[in-house]
Protein backbone atom coordinates (compact mmCIF):
# COMPACT_ATOMS: atom_id res chain seq x y z
CA MET A 1 103.78 99.82 92.88
CA VAL A 2 100.84 97.98 91.36
CA TYR A 3 99.10 94.88 92.48
CA LEU A 4 97.12 93.26 89.72
CA LYS A 5 94.36 90.38 89.90
CA LYS A 6 92.20 89.03 87.50
CA SER A 7 88.34 88.90 87.61
CA GLU A 8 85.25 89.87 85.98
CA LEU A 9 85.08 93.57 86.47
CA THR A 10 87.72 96.49 87.13
CA LEU A 11 87.84 97.73 90.42
CA ILE A 12 90.69 100.33 91.52
CA GLY A 13 91.88 100.95 94.79
CA VAL A 14 94.59 103.13 96.70
CA SER A 15 96.50 101.95 99.85
CA VAL A 16 98.66 104.41 101.74
CA SER A 17 100.09 103.00 105.35
CA LYS A 18 101.08 105.27 108.17
CA ARG A 19 105.04 105.38 107.04
CA HIS A 20 103.77 108.02 104.74
CA GLY A 21 102.29 110.54 107.38
CA LYS A 22 99.61 111.66 109.56
CA ALA A 23 95.55 111.36 108.07
CA VAL A 24 96.21 114.78 106.48
CA VAL A 25 99.04 113.66 104.34
CA ARG A 26 97.63 110.35 103.62
CA ASN A 27 94.57 111.35 102.38
CA ARG A 28 96.64 113.92 100.08
CA ILE A 29 97.89 111.25 98.42
CA LYS A 30 94.94 109.17 98.12
CA ARG A 31 93.41 112.40 96.42
CA LEU A 32 96.50 112.85 93.96
CA LEU A 33 96.47 109.24 93.00
CA ARG A 34 92.54 109.30 92.25
CA ALA A 35 92.97 112.50 90.45
CA VAL A 36 95.34 110.59 88.35
CA TYR A 37 93.71 107.65 87.37
CA TYR A 38 90.10 108.81 87.04
CA PRO A 39 90.70 110.38 83.66
CA LEU A 40 92.24 106.94 82.71
CA VAL A 41 89.36 104.35 83.87
CA PRO A 42 87.85 104.39 80.37
CA SER A 43 90.98 103.67 78.48
CA ILE A 44 91.74 100.60 81.43
CA LYS A 45 91.12 96.87 79.93
CA SER A 46 88.06 95.43 81.88
CA GLY A 47 88.87 92.46 83.85
CA TYR A 48 91.36 93.66 86.40
CA TYR A 49 91.88 94.34 90.61
CA ILE A 50 94.29 96.90 90.34
CA VAL A 51 96.12 98.12 93.78
CA PHE A 52 98.10 101.13 94.08
CA LEU A 53 100.52 101.30 96.90
CA PRO A 54 102.81 104.90 96.68
CA LYS A 55 106.30 104.46 97.92
CA VAL A 56 107.54 106.90 100.87
CA ALA A 57 108.73 109.91 99.66
CA ASN A 58 109.61 113.67 100.77
CA GLU A 59 107.52 115.00 98.66
CA TYR A 60 104.41 114.03 96.45
CA SER A 61 102.69 115.96 93.35
CA TYR A 62 100.21 114.84 90.80
CA LYS A 63 103.15 114.99 87.97
CA VAL A 64 105.05 112.25 89.49
CA PHE A 65 102.35 110.24 90.21
CA SER A 66 100.99 110.45 86.60
CA ALA A 67 104.09 109.39 84.99
CA ASP A 68 104.46 106.78 87.13
CA ILE A 69 101.07 105.29 87.17
CA ASN A 70 100.85 105.60 83.17
CA TYR A 71 104.18 104.03 82.91
CA LEU A 72 103.34 100.85 85.34
CA LEU A 73 99.49 100.83 83.30
CA LYS A 74 101.54 100.64 79.84
CA LYS A 75 104.47 98.39 81.38
CA GLU A 76 101.59 95.74 82.58
CA CYS A 77 99.55 96.15 78.83
CA LEU A 78 96.34 97.58 80.25
CA PHE A 79 95.62 100.07 78.00
CA SER A 80 92.80 99.17 75.49
CA ASP A 81 94.30 101.75 73.75
CA GLN A 82 98.02 101.71 73.71
CA ASN A 83 98.23 105.61 72.22
CA VAL A 84 97.05 106.74 75.98
CA GLN A 85 99.79 109.27 77.49
């Protein structure tokens, strides 16, 4: 899930609740999400607050997060160049 809000600069955050598991699991989820969106930051339009809220799942992987984040950013037209994968 992604929450968006217009702003003057672009800020990206990750929120993982305790429902996902203990601190080790939550930190792994945050590391995976950051690893996915850091390379995308230069291609994201400026002027948004973006907050990623992952859904609870049995297993978390880079591949799934990458596909989900790319889909959500394309859906919201947040890529400055829509040819980004």
